[in-house]
Structure formats: structure tokens, C-alpha cells
Amino acid sequence: MSPKRYRRALLPLAAAGIVGLALTGCTGDIAAGDKENTDCSAYDAYGTFEGSPEVSIGGTIQDAEADRLVESWKDFQTCTGITVNYQGTKEFESQISVLAEAGNAPDLGIIPQPGLFNRLVDGGFLKPATKEVEANVDEFWSEDWKGYGTGSDGTFYAAPLMASIKGYVWYSPTEFKDKGYEIPKTLDELNTLTKKIADEGDHKPWCVGLGSGDATGWPGTDWIEDYVLRQAGPDTYDKWVKHEIPFNDPAIVEAFDSVGEIIKNPDYVNGGLGDVASVISTEFGDAGLPILDGTCSLHHQASFYEGFWPEGTKVSSDGDVYAFLLPGTEASDDKVVTGGGEFVGAFKESKEIDAVRAYLSSDTWANNRVKLGGVISANKGLDASVASSELLQDSVKLLQDENTTFRFDGSDLMPGAVGTDSFWKGIVAWVGGQDTKTTVDFIENSWPSS
């Protein structure tokens, strides 16, 4: 599941109420500017349209982030004459297939994860990408990212949009400096640092929270995914998420056991929050906060967690908090990451829809949106320096690096019965005391037969 932007719990909706509910969460348009005072050279390729045709976009993005999204196409609207209307609702993921089947889907959808994308493709709801969109993706995105927007029929449908990096470990630069801690370059060094902090006796080294309402457990899946990718490698990771190896394969068992040595260890958790049991009950958004008062040293969470620190917190390598990437088994494995992102799919076709699709897949849009703050993109045409923080700038560079091994969040690639159900439930039971074999067997047995 994806709020994995951050995870949003999905609410079941009665079909009769879906159309009305789809109209909630609407973000008001930011008025187009004065064309005479706008540099439209970057938008000439999209054409100009008479009569202010409208293009509707739906997605899960809401609140301040939605406002920035709308701001990102202000000049595009001014220069092309197209009016773009965005509606954000947390129920988008649960509504969109029903809306599409009824012919009530928006023109475009910002699809928050590949599993939903594949279901929409298999349902025959999405239109293939135009040649302009595909040309942009071929120029500005990696082959892996293009693959996530390609259907099982081999047709390319949806361009990537924004991204996030998983597997960051948040820490206090001041504590590390004062106590002489060094950023670990391997998992073994991370384990050594963890033991050192625990042995010093001031506090538990790690703070962890799996709580997220109906989605409780998902932060634990991120831990497992990070360890599978680093310990077993990308080929095994790919086979795992495709079920070409079973969920109870020895490589997956190894990842569970390695993670369990940290988050199920009463000597290592739950710094500033309680005992091992508190790992399950602590809300994920609150779980890293003990770093600020010195009762925890390490917290595993994605790049988006930057937005969860209290106002006034300085997030930088010489600030209150910062983050390093979870290391690999070797020091050379410093560019192996899991992450997430969105994809823009079209439910309808028209010249104005095609123009909006092309713009959203361009380097122009990526730079316009990222410089407004709070997000990143793997678009290779993005100037990393426009990202709004040191961490996000580093994240952009990592995503753009041709030597980076990137894999999409595994649970988002798995069938819903696993990725947003048994995997979450299994993690909760496992942290609560269930053994690894019982847990991985339970998840394996839940995998749909077809």
C-alpha cells in the first residue's frame, strides 16, 4: 500500500457512495497568471488551446503537498490555456477501479504504486502513453522506472512522477560527534555500533514504531525489504516479489532473523518509548522523535520522514537530525536502495490530456515541482540543487546515479492479499513474539494461487 508516501489507511466504501465521495478532497485551483508577464518558452511544445479546456486529475495527495502540486502547473496553464483541476482523496486507491468501470474516472490518475497500476491495466482502464510521453521517459528516466509503468502486455502506459527513498537511518549528528560514533559502512558495522550504544547503558539504541491504524505493520515490511535487497541482492529480491521463490525461502528467513536481532531485541528497543511490545503500539510518525531528547540514537524510516520532525528542527549533516543510508553487506554496497513513487495514468484521451501528460513527464515539471519543496523525483533532468534540503538533494543525486541499484517497495509490488494484508499482519505477530518460520509460512500460504 502506499501512502508509502506515507502510508494512508484505506477505508471501505459502499459503491453507491463512491461517485459523491470522489469529489471530496478537492484542491482549489491556483489561478493562471498573466501570459504577457510569463516566460512561456518552456511550454511552446505543448501548444495553445482555445476555450480553456479542462483536464481533471485524481490522486491521494492532499493538504499542503496538494497545494504545491497545483502550483507546479500554474505557468503551464497560463501558457497553454488548459485548466487543470486536481482532486485529492485518501480513498483514491479504493475508489478508482470502481470509478473507472462506471466511466467516472478522472482524465488522469496519479497512481501511488505498481500493484494498483497493474490492476488498472489488467482491467483495461488505462490508455497507452503517447509517443511524446514515452520519449520523455526514455530520455529522463531509467529502464527500471519505465518498467514499473509498463503493463503485463508489454505496453507502456504511465510515466513516473515523484519518488521517495526508503532505508534511511536517522540519527543525531551532535550525539555522533560528541560520542565519537562513525557512520557505519556495512551491516556488520551497524550491528557493532548498535551493541556499543546499548553497552554504554545510557539508552536503548533504536526507536521503532509500526503503528498506522488499519495499516499497522507496514514499517516492518520496509525493514525486511531493505535487508532482502542488501543481503540477497537484486535478483533474489525480484524473484521474491514476483513469487518466483516462496516467501519462506532461506534468503527471506535470513532477512527476518537479521531484522529481528534489532527490533525484537529488548536490549536494543524501544529507546525512549518502552519495551519490545511498544514497537507495535507506537505510531510510526512519532517513533523517531526520541532522538531529539537523547533517549534513542537510531531510527529507520524513509526520506519523507523529514516532514515529521517538529517545526524548528534543523535537518542537516550539522543539525539536530540527519540520516545515512542503511549500509549493505560490503562497504562497496553504498548505493543500494528501495523506494516508492507515483505514476501518471490516463483513463481518457484528448489533445489537452496528452499535453498535460507530456508536461508531467518532463524535466520542466520535475524542476518546477521539486523546487517548491518537500518532494524529490528520479527524473534525470532534475537539478538536484533545487531540492529543498540537504537530505533531499542527496536523495535526488542517489536516484539519478547510474550506479545506484533501485528497487521499488516490495510490498507494493506484491498482490494485495500479501503486500497490504498478510505481510503487515505477519510482521505484527512476529514482533509480538511469533517465530520466524511460523510467520513466513503464514505469509507464503496467503499468496494467491493465480
Protein backbone atom coordinates (compact mmCIF):
# COMPACT_ATOMS: atom_id res chain seq x y z
CA MET A 1 0.00 0.00 0.00
CA SER A 2 1.26 3.45 -0.42
CA PRO A 3 0.77 6.18 1.48
CA LYS A 4 4.13 4.84 1.34
CA ARG A 5 4.45 8.23 0.65
CA TYR A 6 3.44 7.92 3.75
CA ARG A 7 1.02 5.13 4.25
CA ARG A 8 -2.62 6.10 4.42
CA ALA A 9 -5.12 3.60 5.72
CA LEU A 10 -7.82 2.85 3.15
CA LEU A 11 -11.45 2.88 4.18
CA PRO A 12 -14.00 0.52 2.64
CA LEU A 13 -16.63 2.43 0.68
CA ALA A 14 -20.10 1.48 -0.38
CA ALA A 15 -20.35 1.51 -4.17
CA ALA A 16 -23.41 3.72 -4.09
CA GLY A 17 -21.47 6.48 -2.38
CA ILE A 18 -18.31 6.35 -4.40
CA VAL A 19 -19.09 8.96 -7.03
CA GLY A 20 -20.01 11.54 -4.41
CA LEU A 21 -17.02 10.72 -2.26
CA ALA A 22 -14.73 11.05 -5.25
CA LEU A 23 -15.49 14.73 -5.29
CA THR A 24 -14.18 15.29 -1.78
CA GLY A 25 -10.70 16.49 -1.01
CA CYS A 26 -10.72 18.91 -3.93
CA THR A 27 -7.82 21.29 -4.04
CA GLY A 28 -8.80 24.74 -5.29
CA ASP A 29 -7.15 25.89 -8.46
CA ILE A 30 -4.32 28.37 -8.30
CA ALA A 31 -5.29 30.99 -10.83
CA ALA A 32 -3.29 31.10 -14.01
CA GLY A 33 -1.05 34.12 -14.32
CA ASP A 34 -0.77 36.86 -16.91
CA LYS A 35 0.61 35.34 -20.11
CA GLU A 36 2.27 38.58 -21.15
CA ASN A 37 4.33 38.52 -17.97
CA THR A 38 5.14 34.78 -18.07
CA ASP A 39 8.07 33.23 -19.89
CA CYS A 40 6.31 30.61 -21.98
CA SER A 41 9.35 29.36 -23.91
CA ALA A 42 9.44 26.14 -21.89
CA TYR A 43 5.81 25.42 -22.77
CA ASP A 44 5.75 26.09 -26.52
CA ALA A 45 5.92 22.39 -27.36
CA TYR A 46 2.56 21.73 -25.67
CA GLY A 47 0.63 24.11 -27.94
CA THR A 48 -2.09 26.61 -27.10
CA PHE A 49 -5.74 25.78 -26.61
CA GLU A 50 -8.78 27.96 -27.13
CA GLY A 51 -11.74 27.96 -24.79
CA SER A 52 -9.87 26.89 -21.66
CA PRO A 53 -10.40 23.11 -21.96
CA GLU A 54 -10.30 21.32 -18.61
CA VAL A 55 -8.29 18.26 -17.59
CA SER A 56 -9.14 16.50 -14.32
CA ILE A 57 -6.56 14.67 -12.20
CA GLY A 58 -7.22 12.43 -9.19
CA GLY A 59 -4.86 11.05 -6.57
CA THR A 60 -4.08 10.52 -2.90
CA ILE A 61 -2.01 13.71 -2.47
CA GLN A 62 -3.66 16.17 -0.10
CA ASP A 63 -3.22 19.31 2.01
CA ALA A 64 -0.03 21.38 1.63
CA GLU A 65 1.50 18.85 -0.73
CA ALA A 66 -1.54 19.10 -2.98
CA ASP A 67 -1.26 22.89 -2.98
CA ARG A 68 2.33 22.62 -4.19
CA LEU A 69 1.28 20.13 -6.85
CA VAL A 70 -1.30 22.59 -8.18
CA GLU A 71 1.28 25.39 -8.06
CA SER A 72 3.61 23.28 -10.22
CA TRP A 73 1.41 23.64 -13.30
CA LYS A 74 0.43 27.30 -12.86
CA ASP A 75 2.66 28.56 -15.71
CA PHE A 76 1.68 25.59 -17.87
CA GLN A 77 -1.96 26.65 -17.54
CA THR A 78 -1.11 30.27 -18.31
CA CYS A 79 0.86 29.42 -21.42
CA THR A 80 -1.32 26.65 -22.89
CA GLY A 81 -4.80 27.81 -21.91
CA ILE A 82 -5.58 24.43 -20.35
CA THR A 83 -7.25 24.41 -16.93
CA VAL A 84 -6.03 21.56 -14.73
CA ASN A 85 -8.34 20.53 -11.88
CA TYR A 86 -6.89 18.29 -9.18
CA GLN A 87 -8.94 16.35 -6.61
CA GLY A 88 -7.14 14.56 -3.80
CA THR A 89 -8.73 11.99 -1.52
CA LYS A 90 -7.29 9.29 0.71
CA GLU A 91 -9.87 6.90 -0.76
CA PHE A 92 -8.46 7.24 -4.29
CA GLU A 93 -6.88 3.78 -4.24
CA SER A 94 -10.06 2.04 -3.13
CA GLN A 95 -12.33 4.08 -5.41
CA ILE A 96 -10.53 4.34 -8.69
CA SER A 97 -11.24 0.89 -10.17
CA VAL A 98 -14.97 1.24 -9.48
CA LEU A 99 -14.98 4.77 -10.88
CA ALA A 100 -13.18 3.60 -14.00
CA GLU A 101 -15.58 0.72 -14.53
CA ALA A 102 -18.51 3.11 -14.26
CA GLY A 103 -16.92 5.58 -16.67
CA ASN A 104 -16.50 8.19 -13.93
CA ALA A 105 -12.73 8.18 -13.52
CA PRO A 106 -10.82 11.47 -13.83
CA ASP A 107 -8.96 12.12 -17.06
CA LEU A 108 -5.67 11.32 -15.33
CA GLY A 109 -4.80 9.49 -12.15
CA ILE A 110 -1.67 9.82 -10.04
CA ILE A 111 -1.29 6.14 -9.21
CA PRO A 112 0.68 5.65 -5.97
CA GLN A 113 2.03 2.15 -6.50
CA PRO A 114 2.64 -0.50 -9.19
CA GLY A 115 0.20 -3.03 -7.77
CA LEU A 116 -2.76 -0.69 -8.35
CA PHE A 117 -1.32 0.31 -11.73
CA ASN A 118 -1.21 -3.34 -12.81
CA ARG A 119 -4.79 -3.92 -11.71
CA LEU A 120 -5.95 -0.93 -13.74
CA VAL A 121 -4.04 -2.15 -16.79
CA ASP A 122 -5.40 -5.67 -16.44
CA GLY A 123 -8.90 -4.21 -16.15
CA GLY A 124 -8.47 -2.44 -19.47
CA PHE A 125 -8.94 1.00 -17.92
CA LEU A 126 -5.71 2.81 -18.87
CA LYS A 127 -4.76 4.33 -22.21
CA PRO A 128 -1.26 3.69 -23.63
CA ALA A 129 1.24 6.50 -23.24
CA THR A 130 1.64 8.87 -26.15
CA LYS A 131 4.88 8.97 -28.13
CA GLU A 132 5.74 12.31 -26.50
CA VAL A 133 5.39 10.84 -23.02
CA GLU A 134 7.41 7.76 -23.93
CA ALA A 135 10.14 9.92 -25.45
CA ASN A 136 10.37 11.92 -22.21
CA VAL A 137 10.60 8.78 -20.13
CA ASP A 138 13.25 7.28 -22.40
CA GLU A 139 15.29 10.47 -22.04
CA PHE A 140 14.79 11.29 -18.37
CA TRP A 141 14.16 8.03 -16.57
CA SER A 142 15.96 4.73 -16.07
CA GLU A 143 14.83 1.50 -17.68
CA ASP A 144 13.72 0.20 -14.28
CA TRP A 145 11.41 3.16 -13.71
CA LYS A 146 9.93 2.79 -17.20
CA GLY A 147 9.34 -0.88 -16.45
CA TYR A 148 7.17 -0.04 -13.47
CA GLY A 149 4.87 1.91 -15.81
CA THR A 150 4.71 -0.91 -18.36
CA GLY A 151 1.83 -3.37 -18.28
CA SER A 152 1.94 -7.15 -18.37
CA ASP A 153 1.04 -6.88 -22.05
CA GLY A 154 4.33 -5.12 -22.74
CA THR A 155 2.66 -1.78 -23.46
CA PHE A 156 4.00 1.37 -21.81
CA TYR A 157 1.16 3.23 -20.08
CA ALA A 158 2.29 5.50 -17.26
CA ALA A 159 5.21 7.88 -16.73
CA PRO A 160 6.81 8.11 -13.28
CA LEU A 161 6.24 11.29 -11.30
CA MET A 162 7.69 11.76 -7.80
CA ALA A 163 9.78 9.36 -5.72
CA SER A 164 10.97 8.58 -2.21
CA ILE A 165 13.93 6.65 -0.86
CA LYS A 166 13.43 4.03 1.82
CA GLY A 167 16.07 2.69 4.15
CA TYR A 168 17.42 5.84 5.72
CA VAL A 169 18.66 5.61 9.31
CA TRP A 170 18.01 8.84 11.20
CA TYR A 171 20.44 9.98 13.89
CA SER A 172 21.72 12.99 15.83
CA PRO A 173 24.91 14.44 14.28
CA THR A 174 25.68 16.08 17.63
CA GLU A 175 25.48 12.80 19.53
CA PHE A 176 27.65 11.05 16.94
CA LYS A 177 30.26 13.81 17.17
CA ASP A 178 30.26 14.03 20.96
CA LYS A 179 30.49 10.26 21.45
CA GLY A 180 32.86 9.54 18.58
CA TYR A 181 30.41 7.37 16.64
CA GLU A 182 31.12 6.90 12.94
CA ILE A 183 28.58 6.32 10.17
CA PRO A 184 28.60 2.56 9.60
CA LYS A 185 29.62 1.40 6.12
CA THR A 186 28.41 -2.20 6.42
CA LEU A 187 25.64 -4.05 8.21
CA ASP A 188 28.25 -5.61 10.48
CA GLU A 189 29.47 -2.14 11.44
CA LEU A 190 25.87 -1.10 12.10
CA ASN A 191 25.44 -4.09 14.41
CA THR A 192 28.71 -3.18 16.17
CA LEU A 193 27.54 0.41 16.64
CA THR A 194 24.18 -0.80 17.94
CA LYS A 195 25.86 -3.02 20.53
CA LYS A 196 28.24 -0.22 21.54
CA ILE A 197 25.36 2.19 22.21
CA ALA A 198 23.49 -0.48 24.16
CA ASP A 199 26.56 -1.41 26.22
CA GLU A 200 27.13 2.22 27.20
CA GLY A 201 23.83 1.96 29.04
CA ASP A 202 22.50 5.50 28.60
CA HIS A 203 19.55 4.43 26.48
CA LYS A 204 18.32 1.81 24.01
CA PRO A 205 19.96 2.41 20.60
CA TRP A 206 16.89 2.04 18.35
CA CYS A 207 13.40 3.56 18.41
CA VAL A 208 10.79 1.82 16.23
CA GLY A 209 7.08 2.25 15.59
CA LEU A 210 4.81 0.04 13.48
CA GLY A 211 1.54 1.79 14.30
CA SER A 212 -0.53 3.12 11.40
CA GLY A 213 -4.20 2.42 12.06
CA ASP A 214 -5.54 -0.27 9.75
CA ALA A 215 -2.11 -0.35 8.08
CA THR A 216 -0.19 -1.15 11.27
CA GLY A 217 2.86 -3.23 10.44
CA TRP A 218 3.94 -1.60 7.19
CA PRO A 219 7.14 0.00 8.61
CA GLY A 220 8.30 -3.51 9.46
CA THR A 221 7.87 -4.60 5.85
CA ASP A 222 10.27 -1.81 4.85
CA TRP A 223 12.90 -3.24 7.19
CA ILE A 224 12.55 -6.71 5.64
CA GLU A 225 12.67 -5.37 2.09
CA ASP A 226 15.82 -3.39 2.81
CA TYR A 227 17.57 -6.42 4.25
CA VAL A 228 16.50 -8.78 1.46
CA LEU A 229 17.88 -6.38 -1.15
CA ARG A 230 21.16 -5.86 0.70
CA GLN A 231 21.82 -9.41 1.88
CA ALA A 232 20.43 -11.46 -1.02
CA GLY A 233 20.83 -8.99 -3.88
CA PRO A 234 18.50 -7.55 -6.54
CA ASP A 235 17.96 -10.80 -8.46
CA THR A 236 16.65 -12.61 -5.39
CA TYR A 237 14.60 -9.53 -4.45
CA ASP A 238 12.96 -9.54 -7.90
CA LYS A 239 12.17 -13.25 -7.66
CA TRP A 240 10.73 -12.75 -4.18
CA VAL A 241 8.27 -10.01 -5.09
CA LYS A 242 7.19 -11.98 -8.20
CA HIS A 243 6.82 -15.17 -6.14
CA GLU A 244 9.38 -16.96 -8.26
CA ILE A 245 10.79 -18.05 -4.93
CA PRO A 246 8.50 -18.69 -1.96
CA PHE A 247 8.06 -16.21 0.86
CA ASN A 248 9.63 -18.75 3.21
CA ASP A 249 12.79 -19.07 1.11
CA PRO A 250 16.00 -19.19 3.21
CA ALA A 251 17.02 -15.73 1.91
CA ILE A 252 13.84 -14.22 3.31
CA VAL A 253 14.24 -16.10 6.58
CA GLU A 254 17.76 -14.65 6.88
CA ALA A 255 16.40 -11.12 6.42
CA PHE A 256 13.72 -11.65 9.08
CA ASP A 257 16.24 -13.05 11.53
CA SER A 258 18.68 -10.18 10.91
CA VAL A 259 15.99 -7.57 11.43
CA GLY A 260 14.74 -9.44 14.47
CA GLU A 261 18.16 -9.19 16.09
CA ILE A 262 17.43 -5.46 16.31
CA ILE A 263 13.72 -4.77 16.57
CA LYS A 264 12.84 -7.84 18.70
CA ASN A 265 15.82 -7.42 20.99
CA PRO A 266 14.91 -5.98 24.43
CA ASP A 267 18.45 -4.64 24.77
CA TYR A 268 18.08 -2.58 21.58
CA VAL A 269 14.49 -1.29 21.58
CA ASN A 270 12.47 0.75 22.21
CA GLY A 271 14.56 3.81 23.04
CA GLY A 272 12.52 6.46 24.85
CA LEU A 273 9.27 4.64 24.13
CA GLY A 274 9.09 1.41 26.13
CA ASP A 275 9.79 -2.28 25.69
CA VAL A 276 9.60 -4.51 22.60
CA ALA A 277 5.80 -4.58 22.84
CA SER A 278 5.72 -0.79 22.39
CA VAL A 279 7.17 -1.24 18.88
CA ILE A 280 3.72 -2.39 17.76
CA SER A 281 1.69 0.29 19.52
CA THR A 282 3.93 3.30 18.74
CA GLU A 283 2.71 5.38 15.80
CA PHE A 284 5.27 5.42 13.02
CA GLY A 285 5.17 9.22 12.80
CA ASP A 286 6.18 9.55 16.45
CA ALA A 287 8.74 6.77 16.56
CA GLY A 288 11.84 8.79 15.67
CA LEU A 289 11.19 11.72 17.99
CA PRO A 290 13.16 10.33 20.99
CA ILE A 291 16.33 11.09 19.01
CA LEU A 292 15.71 14.76 19.79
CA ASP A 293 15.84 14.27 23.58
CA GLY A 294 18.71 11.79 23.53
CA THR A 295 16.75 8.71 24.58
CA CYS A 296 17.28 6.99 21.22
CA SER A 297 20.13 7.08 18.70
CA LEU A 298 18.85 5.36 15.53
CA HIS A 299 15.56 5.28 13.64
CA HIS A 300 14.84 3.51 10.32
CA GLN A 301 12.47 5.42 8.04
CA ALA A 302 12.19 6.87 4.53
CA SER A 303 13.19 10.26 3.15
CA PHE A 304 9.64 11.52 3.67
CA TYR A 305 10.17 11.33 7.43
CA GLU A 306 11.90 14.69 7.15
CA GLY A 307 8.43 16.19 7.25
CA PHE A 308 7.62 14.55 10.60
CA TRP A 309 10.20 16.36 12.72
CA PRO A 310 8.74 19.19 14.83
CA GLU A 311 8.81 22.70 13.43
CA GLY A 312 12.17 24.30 14.06
CA THR A 313 14.13 21.04 13.86
CA LYS A 314 17.25 21.53 11.74
CA VAL A 315 17.61 18.60 9.36
CA SER A 316 21.17 18.63 8.06
CA SER A 317 24.52 16.90 8.49
CA ASP A 318 25.42 19.52 11.14
CA GLY A 319 21.92 19.97 12.51
CA ASP A 320 19.61 18.38 15.05
CA VAL A 321 18.95 15.26 12.96
CA TYR A 322 20.14 13.77 9.72
CA ALA A 323 20.13 10.37 8.06
CA PHE A 324 22.50 7.90 6.47
CA LEU A 325 21.52 5.12 4.10
CA LEU A 326 21.23 1.67 5.60
CA PRO A 327 24.51 0.05 4.54
CA GLY A 328 24.99 -3.21 2.68
CA THR A 329 26.99 -6.30 3.49
CA GLU A 330 30.08 -4.72 1.91
CA ALA A 331 31.30 -1.11 2.03
CA SER A 332 31.00 -1.01 -1.76
CA ASP A 333 27.23 -1.61 -1.49
CA ASP A 334 26.60 2.04 -0.70
CA LYS A 335 24.13 2.72 -3.49
CA VAL A 336 21.53 0.01 -3.00
CA VAL A 337 18.10 1.43 -2.21
CA THR A 338 14.44 0.61 -2.03
CA GLY A 339 11.89 3.31 -2.65
CA GLY A 340 8.49 4.35 -3.84
CA GLY A 341 6.86 6.67 -6.31
CA GLU A 342 3.79 7.58 -8.33
CA PHE A 343 2.79 7.09 -11.96
CA VAL A 344 0.51 9.18 -14.17
CA GLY A 345 -2.05 7.06 -15.99
CA ALA A 346 -4.73 8.24 -18.43
CA PHE A 347 -8.31 6.99 -18.39
CA LYS A 348 -9.33 9.15 -21.34
CA GLU A 349 -7.73 10.65 -24.44
CA SER A 350 -7.76 14.15 -25.93
CA LYS A 351 -5.19 16.65 -27.15
CA GLU A 352 -5.34 18.60 -23.90
CA ILE A 353 -4.97 15.43 -21.82
CA ASP A 354 -1.99 14.44 -23.96
CA ALA A 355 -0.42 17.85 -23.37
CA VAL A 356 -0.78 17.56 -19.58
CA ARG A 357 0.65 14.02 -19.64
CA ALA A 358 3.65 15.20 -21.65
CA TYR A 359 4.29 18.10 -19.27
CA LEU A 360 4.11 15.92 -16.15
CA SER A 361 6.67 13.52 -17.65
CA SER A 362 9.11 16.32 -18.50
CA ASP A 363 12.18 17.70 -16.77
CA THR A 364 10.43 21.07 -16.73
CA TRP A 365 7.70 19.80 -14.44
CA ALA A 366 10.16 17.93 -12.22
CA ASN A 367 12.21 21.09 -11.60
CA ASN A 368 9.08 23.23 -11.09
CA ARG A 369 7.64 20.85 -8.50
CA VAL A 370 10.79 19.90 -6.58
CA LYS A 371 11.89 23.49 -6.06
CA LEU A 372 8.57 24.15 -4.30
CA GLY A 373 9.76 21.83 -1.54
CA GLY A 374 9.13 18.56 0.24
CA VAL A 375 9.50 16.02 -2.57
CA ILE A 376 12.02 14.50 -4.94
CA SER A 377 11.97 12.78 -8.30
CA ALA A 378 14.18 10.28 -10.12
CA ASN A 379 13.88 12.37 -13.31
CA LYS A 380 17.43 12.70 -14.66
CA GLY A 381 16.70 16.20 -15.94
CA LEU A 382 16.07 17.42 -12.39
CA ASP A 383 18.66 19.82 -10.98
CA ALA A 384 19.37 18.31 -7.55
CA SER A 385 20.31 21.72 -6.16
CA VAL A 386 16.68 22.90 -6.35
CA ALA A 387 15.58 20.29 -3.77
CA SER A 388 14.54 21.94 -0.53
CA SER A 389 17.02 20.31 1.88
CA GLU A 390 20.44 18.74 2.04
CA LEU A 391 18.92 15.29 2.53
CA LEU A 392 16.58 15.64 -0.43
CA GLN A 393 19.43 16.90 -2.60
CA ASP A 394 21.47 13.84 -1.65
CA SER A 395 18.44 11.65 -2.36
CA VAL A 396 18.00 13.09 -5.86
CA LYS A 397 21.67 12.52 -6.66
CA LEU A 398 21.38 8.94 -5.45
CA LEU A 399 18.32 8.27 -7.60
CA GLN A 400 19.99 9.81 -10.65
CA ASP A 401 23.26 7.91 -10.23
CA GLU A 402 23.58 5.24 -12.90
CA ASN A 403 25.44 3.07 -10.38
CA THR A 404 22.52 3.04 -7.95
CA THR A 405 20.61 -0.23 -7.63
CA PHE A 406 16.99 0.81 -7.10
CA ARG A 407 14.10 -1.49 -6.38
CA PHE A 408 10.51 -0.46 -5.76
CA ASP A 409 8.96 -1.14 -2.39
CA GLY A 410 8.38 -4.89 -2.38
CA SER A 411 5.01 -4.98 -0.66
CA ASP A 412 3.66 -2.52 -3.23
CA LEU A 413 4.64 -4.98 -5.96
CA MET A 414 3.03 -7.99 -4.29
CA PRO A 415 -0.65 -8.98 -4.58
CA GLY A 416 -2.84 -7.03 -2.20
CA ALA A 417 -3.66 -10.18 -0.23
CA VAL A 418 0.02 -10.28 0.73
CA GLY A 419 1.53 -6.80 0.43
CA THR A 420 -1.25 -4.95 2.23
CA ASP A 421 -2.61 -7.76 4.36
CA SER A 422 -0.73 -10.89 5.43
CA PHE A 423 2.71 -9.23 5.30
CA TRP A 424 1.53 -6.48 7.69
CA LYS A 425 -0.27 -8.95 9.95
CA GLY A 426 2.67 -11.31 9.91
CA ILE A 427 5.07 -8.56 10.94
CA VAL A 428 2.87 -7.59 13.88
CA ALA A 429 2.56 -11.19 15.08
CA TRP A 430 6.30 -11.72 14.62
CA VAL A 431 7.32 -8.64 16.61
CA GLY A 432 4.76 -9.74 19.19
CA GLY A 433 6.69 -12.98 19.76
CA GLN A 434 5.81 -15.35 16.92
CA ASP A 435 8.80 -17.22 15.49
CA THR A 436 10.18 -16.54 12.01
CA LYS A 437 9.22 -19.89 10.45
CA THR A 438 5.59 -19.63 11.51
CA THR A 439 5.48 -16.06 10.22
CA VAL A 440 6.97 -16.65 6.77
CA ASP A 441 4.93 -19.84 6.33
CA PHE A 442 1.75 -17.91 7.14
CA ILE A 443 2.57 -15.22 4.57
CA GLU A 444 3.58 -17.80 1.97
CA ASN A 445 0.29 -19.67 2.41
CA SER A 446 -1.64 -16.44 1.86
CA TRP A 447 -0.17 -15.85 -1.61
CA PRO A 448 -2.96 -16.11 -4.23
CA SER A 449 -2.76 -19.19 -6.43
CA SER A 450 -3.35 -17.14 -9.57
